[in-house]
Amino acid sequence: MSTDTTPGTEATNGSRLRCTECGSEAIATRANGSSLACCGTPLEVIFAA
């Protein structure tokens, strides 16, 4: 189990994420504790499945 506390790691399968810089969105299809980022900033979880 990952102990990474970097923002973005709380995403679970089916979570919707958004970049606060450019507005791009992504859906997590295989969450494994990795930190997801876009435009040099962590993605924000906007919907947790």
Protein backbone atom coordinates (compact mmCIF):
# COMPACT_ATOMS: atom_id res chain seq x y z
CA MET A 1 0.00 0.00 0.00
CA SER A 2 1.29 3.43 -0.90
CA THR A 3 1.86 6.01 1.82
CA ASP A 4 2.24 8.89 -0.64
CA THR A 5 0.30 11.96 0.57
CA THR A 6 0.90 14.09 -2.53
CA PRO A 7 -2.32 15.84 -3.67
CA GLY A 8 -4.13 13.77 -6.30
CA THR A 9 -3.38 10.41 -4.73
CA GLU A 10 -6.84 10.16 -3.16
CA ALA A 11 -8.37 9.36 -6.56
CA THR A 12 -10.10 6.00 -6.81
CA ASN A 13 -11.29 4.06 -9.87
CA GLY A 14 -13.98 6.14 -11.58
CA SER A 15 -12.91 9.44 -9.99
CA ARG A 16 -13.11 12.54 -12.18
CA LEU A 17 -10.14 14.89 -11.95
CA ARG A 18 -9.61 18.44 -13.25
CA CYS A 19 -6.55 20.60 -13.89
CA THR A 20 -6.98 23.92 -12.09
CA GLU A 21 -4.69 25.62 -14.64
CA CYS A 22 -6.14 24.65 -18.04
CA GLY A 23 -9.43 22.93 -17.14
CA SER A 24 -8.57 19.56 -18.71
CA GLU A 25 -10.46 16.65 -17.16
CA ALA A 26 -9.59 12.98 -16.73
CA ILE A 27 -11.24 9.88 -15.30
CA ALA A 28 -9.14 7.46 -13.25
CA THR A 29 -9.56 3.98 -14.69
CA ARG A 30 -6.85 2.26 -12.66
CA ALA A 31 -5.98 4.01 -9.40
CA ASN A 32 -2.73 2.81 -7.86
CA GLY A 33 -1.64 5.66 -5.60
CA SER A 34 0.24 7.63 -8.27
CA SER A 35 0.14 11.41 -8.15
CA LEU A 36 -1.54 12.77 -11.28
CA ALA A 37 -0.56 16.20 -12.60
CA CYS A 38 -1.13 18.53 -15.55
CA CYS A 39 0.48 21.91 -16.27
CA GLY A 40 2.92 21.23 -13.43
CA THR A 41 0.19 21.10 -10.76
CA PRO A 42 -1.63 18.16 -9.14
CA LEU A 43 -5.09 17.35 -10.51
CA GLU A 44 -8.04 18.14 -8.27
CA VAL A 45 -10.63 15.39 -7.58
CA ILE A 46 -14.03 16.82 -8.53
CA PHE A 47 -16.01 13.57 -8.20
CA ALA A 48 -15.00 10.52 -6.22
CA ALA A 49 -16.66 7.28 -7.27
